[in-house]
Amino acid sequence: MERVSDGREPDHDEEVLDEIVDLESYARSGKRPPRSRGYRVRINGEPYVFDNPLPTGREVLIKAGLTPPENYTLRVKMAGEKPHKVELDETVDLRRPGVEKFKALPRDQTEG
């Protein structure tokens, strides 16, 4: 019996793509992205591809070259919602419907 990487049984009627899906286009259409080889998401306006659909905030910042990650505040923009903060060790499910993009800003010296 086939299992997906998180141990769940796969949805046999779920579309599986052997390509990279663009999360922004799925967010605009309100659809959940399918399982795929990669997930393209914008971080500060630049596109990056993740093969893991469950990156941490730290992994997102490192992928964008924003190091050390402790010096940045990361926010995720969900379609139809205000951006919300993502902690460094918090996991973001890129397959959740509505994940649109990330914005990272340098932390102020007084933030901690």
C-alpha atoms as a PDB file:
ATOM      1  CA  MET A   1       0.000   0.000   0.000  1.00  0.00           C
ATOM      2  CA  GLU A   2       1.397   3.402  -1.025  1.00  0.00           C
ATOM      3  CA  ARG A   3       1.993   6.011   1.689  1.00  0.00           C
ATOM      4  CA  VAL A   4       2.807   9.675   1.352  1.00  0.00           C
ATOM      5  CA  SER A   5       5.843  11.085   3.155  1.00  0.00           C
ATOM      6  CA  ASP A   6       3.910  12.104   6.260  1.00  0.00           C
ATOM      7  CA  GLY A   7       2.622   8.552   6.802  1.00  0.00           C
ATOM      8  CA  ARG A   8      -0.944   9.181   5.631  1.00  0.00           C
ATOM      9  CA  GLU A   9      -2.640   7.071   3.023  1.00  0.00           C
ATOM     10  CA  PRO A  10      -2.641   8.952  -0.297  1.00  0.00           C
ATOM     11  CA  ASP A  11      -5.820  10.309  -1.807  1.00  0.00           C
ATOM     12  CA  HIS A  12      -6.024   8.036  -4.830  1.00  0.00           C
ATOM     13  CA  ASP A  13      -8.146  10.522  -6.726  1.00  0.00           C
ATOM     14  CA  GLU A  14      -5.716  13.352  -5.926  1.00  0.00           C
ATOM     15  CA  GLU A  15      -3.815  14.753  -8.876  1.00  0.00           C
ATOM     16  CA  VAL A  16      -0.040  14.192  -8.644  1.00  0.00           C
ATOM     17  CA  LEU A  17       2.126  16.345 -10.864  1.00  0.00           C
ATOM     18  CA  ASP A  18       5.679  15.610 -11.896  1.00  0.00           C
ATOM     19  CA  GLU A  19       6.343  19.307 -12.266  1.00  0.00           C
ATOM     20  CA  ILE A  20       6.672  22.445 -10.181  1.00  0.00           C
ATOM     21  CA  VAL A  21       3.411  24.152  -9.220  1.00  0.00           C
ATOM     22  CA  ASP A  22       3.109  27.903  -8.748  1.00  0.00           C
ATOM     23  CA  LEU A  23       1.460  28.562  -5.383  1.00  0.00           C
ATOM     24  CA  GLU A  24       0.377  32.094  -6.268  1.00  0.00           C
ATOM     25  CA  SER A  25      -1.815  30.854  -9.129  1.00  0.00           C
ATOM     26  CA  TYR A  26      -3.427  28.197  -6.916  1.00  0.00           C
ATOM     27  CA  ALA A  27      -4.022  30.792  -4.171  1.00  0.00           C
ATOM     28  CA  ARG A  28      -5.783  33.097  -6.642  1.00  0.00           C
ATOM     29  CA  SER A  29      -8.054  30.275  -7.805  1.00  0.00           C
ATOM     30  CA  GLY A  30      -8.765  29.151  -4.223  1.00  0.00           C
ATOM     31  CA  LYS A  31      -7.622  25.600  -4.965  1.00  0.00           C
ATOM     32  CA  ARG A  32      -5.395  23.328  -2.922  1.00  0.00           C
ATOM     33  CA  PRO A  33      -2.133  22.680  -4.792  1.00  0.00           C
ATOM     34  CA  PRO A  34      -1.669  19.041  -5.818  1.00  0.00           C
ATOM     35  CA  ARG A  35       1.154  16.821  -4.662  1.00  0.00           C
ATOM     36  CA  SER A  36       4.027  17.695  -6.908  1.00  0.00           C
ATOM     37  CA  ARG A  37       7.769  17.558  -7.468  1.00  0.00           C
ATOM     38  CA  GLY A  38       8.163  21.166  -6.291  1.00  0.00           C
ATOM     39  CA  TYR A  39       6.348  24.251  -5.061  1.00  0.00           C
ATOM     40  CA  ARG A  40       7.222  27.722  -6.397  1.00  0.00           C
ATOM     41  CA  VAL A  41       6.592  30.560  -3.966  1.00  0.00           C
ATOM     42  CA  ARG A  42       7.761  34.162  -3.904  1.00  0.00           C
ATOM     43  CA  ILE A  43       9.897  35.442  -1.045  1.00  0.00           C
ATOM     44  CA  ASN A  44      10.298  39.231  -1.140  1.00  0.00           C
ATOM     45  CA  GLY A  45       9.168  39.169  -4.766  1.00  0.00           C
ATOM     46  CA  GLU A  46      11.681  36.556  -5.957  1.00  0.00           C
ATOM     47  CA  PRO A  47      10.584  33.006  -6.901  1.00  0.00           C
ATOM     48  CA  TYR A  48      12.033  30.022  -5.018  1.00  0.00           C
ATOM     49  CA  VAL A  49      11.218  26.320  -5.348  1.00  0.00           C
ATOM     50  CA  PHE A  50      10.753  23.992  -2.380  1.00  0.00           C
ATOM     51  CA  ASP A  51      10.681  20.224  -2.804  1.00  0.00           C
ATOM     52  CA  ASN A  52       9.474  19.829   0.793  1.00  0.00           C
ATOM     53  CA  PRO A  53       5.873  21.071   1.148  1.00  0.00           C
ATOM     54  CA  LEU A  54       6.392  21.625   4.916  1.00  0.00           C
ATOM     55  CA  PRO A  55       9.351  24.013   5.355  1.00  0.00           C
ATOM     56  CA  THR A  56      10.041  25.846   8.597  1.00  0.00           C
ATOM     57  CA  GLY A  57      10.319  29.614   8.768  1.00  0.00           C
ATOM     58  CA  ARG A  58      14.073  29.154   9.170  1.00  0.00           C
ATOM     59  CA  GLU A  59      14.255  27.066   5.957  1.00  0.00           C
ATOM     60  CA  VAL A  60      12.302  29.712   4.028  1.00  0.00           C
ATOM     61  CA  LEU A  61      14.699  32.458   5.124  1.00  0.00           C
ATOM     62  CA  ILE A  62      17.792  30.365   4.375  1.00  0.00           C
ATOM     63  CA  LYS A  63      16.437  29.450   0.910  1.00  0.00           C
ATOM     64  CA  ALA A  64      16.116  33.198   0.198  1.00  0.00           C
ATOM     65  CA  GLY A  65      19.684  33.819   1.405  1.00  0.00           C
ATOM     66  CA  LEU A  66      18.488  35.796   4.425  1.00  0.00           C
ATOM     67  CA  THR A  67      21.000  34.736   7.045  1.00  0.00           C
ATOM     68  CA  PRO A  68      21.287  34.485   9.891  1.00  0.00           C
ATOM     69  CA  PRO A  69      17.535  33.833  10.011  1.00  0.00           C
ATOM     70  CA  GLU A  70      17.367  35.182  13.571  1.00  0.00           C
ATOM     71  CA  ASN A  71      17.900  38.667  12.096  1.00  0.00           C
ATOM     72  CA  TYR A  72      14.653  38.570  10.087  1.00  0.00           C
ATOM     73  CA  THR A  73      10.930  38.563  10.697  1.00  0.00           C
ATOM     74  CA  LEU A  74       9.008  36.339   8.268  1.00  0.00           C
ATOM     75  CA  ARG A  75       5.355  36.743   7.332  1.00  0.00           C
ATOM     76  CA  VAL A  76       3.222  34.538   5.099  1.00  0.00           C
ATOM     77  CA  LYS A  77       0.458  36.016   2.938  1.00  0.00           C
ATOM     78  CA  MET A  78      -2.624  33.870   2.550  1.00  0.00           C
ATOM     79  CA  ALA A  79      -5.212  34.715  -0.129  1.00  0.00           C
ATOM     80  CA  GLY A  80      -7.916  36.928   1.343  1.00  0.00           C
ATOM     81  CA  GLU A  81      -6.147  37.313   4.710  1.00  0.00           C
ATOM     82  CA  LYS A  82      -3.715  39.707   6.298  1.00  0.00           C
ATOM     83  CA  PRO A  83      -0.104  38.457   6.448  1.00  0.00           C
ATOM     84  CA  HIS A  84       0.782  36.689   9.674  1.00  0.00           C
ATOM     85  CA  LYS A  85       4.113  36.081  11.364  1.00  0.00           C
ATOM     86  CA  VAL A  86       5.900  32.742  10.976  1.00  0.00           C
ATOM     87  CA  GLU A  87       8.271  31.736  13.780  1.00  0.00           C
ATOM     88  CA  LEU A  88      11.658  30.250  12.848  1.00  0.00           C
ATOM     89  CA  ASP A  89      10.731  26.731  14.002  1.00  0.00           C
ATOM     90  CA  GLU A  90       7.120  26.929  12.806  1.00  0.00           C
ATOM     91  CA  THR A  91       6.184  24.717   9.859  1.00  0.00           C
ATOM     92  CA  VAL A  92       4.284  26.225   6.940  1.00  0.00           C
ATOM     93  CA  ASP A  93       2.134  23.852   4.874  1.00  0.00           C
ATOM     94  CA  LEU A  94       2.684  25.002   1.288  1.00  0.00           C
ATOM     95  CA  ARG A  95      -0.159  22.715   0.185  1.00  0.00           C
ATOM     96  CA  ARG A  96      -2.691  24.524   2.352  1.00  0.00           C
ATOM     97  CA  PRO A  97      -5.148  26.371   0.115  1.00  0.00           C
ATOM     98  CA  GLY A  98      -4.353  30.075  -0.085  1.00  0.00           C
ATOM     99  CA  VAL A  99      -0.573  30.177   0.577  1.00  0.00           C
ATOM    100  CA  GLU A 100       0.437  33.027  -1.695  1.00  0.00           C
ATOM    101  CA  LYS A 101       3.870  34.440  -0.803  1.00  0.00           C
ATOM    102  CA  PHE A 102       6.342  35.351   1.946  1.00  0.00           C
ATOM    103  CA  LYS A 103       7.730  38.695   3.055  1.00  0.00           C
ATOM    104  CA  ALA A 104      10.856  38.926   5.200  1.00  0.00           C
ATOM    105  CA  LEU A 105      12.070  42.089   6.866  1.00  0.00           C
ATOM    106  CA  PRO A 106      15.206  42.765   8.884  1.00  0.00           C
ATOM    107  CA  ARG A 107      14.471  42.822  12.589  1.00  0.00           C
ATOM    108  CA  ASP A 108      14.827  46.098  14.402  1.00  0.00           C
ATOM    109  CA  GLN A 109      17.665  46.138  16.940  1.00  0.00           C
ATOM    110  CA  THR A 110      15.028  46.390  19.702  1.00  0.00           C
ATOM    111  CA  GLU A 111      13.131  43.287  18.559  1.00  0.00           C
ATOM    112  CA  GLY A 112      14.106  40.086  20.146  1.00  0.00           C
END
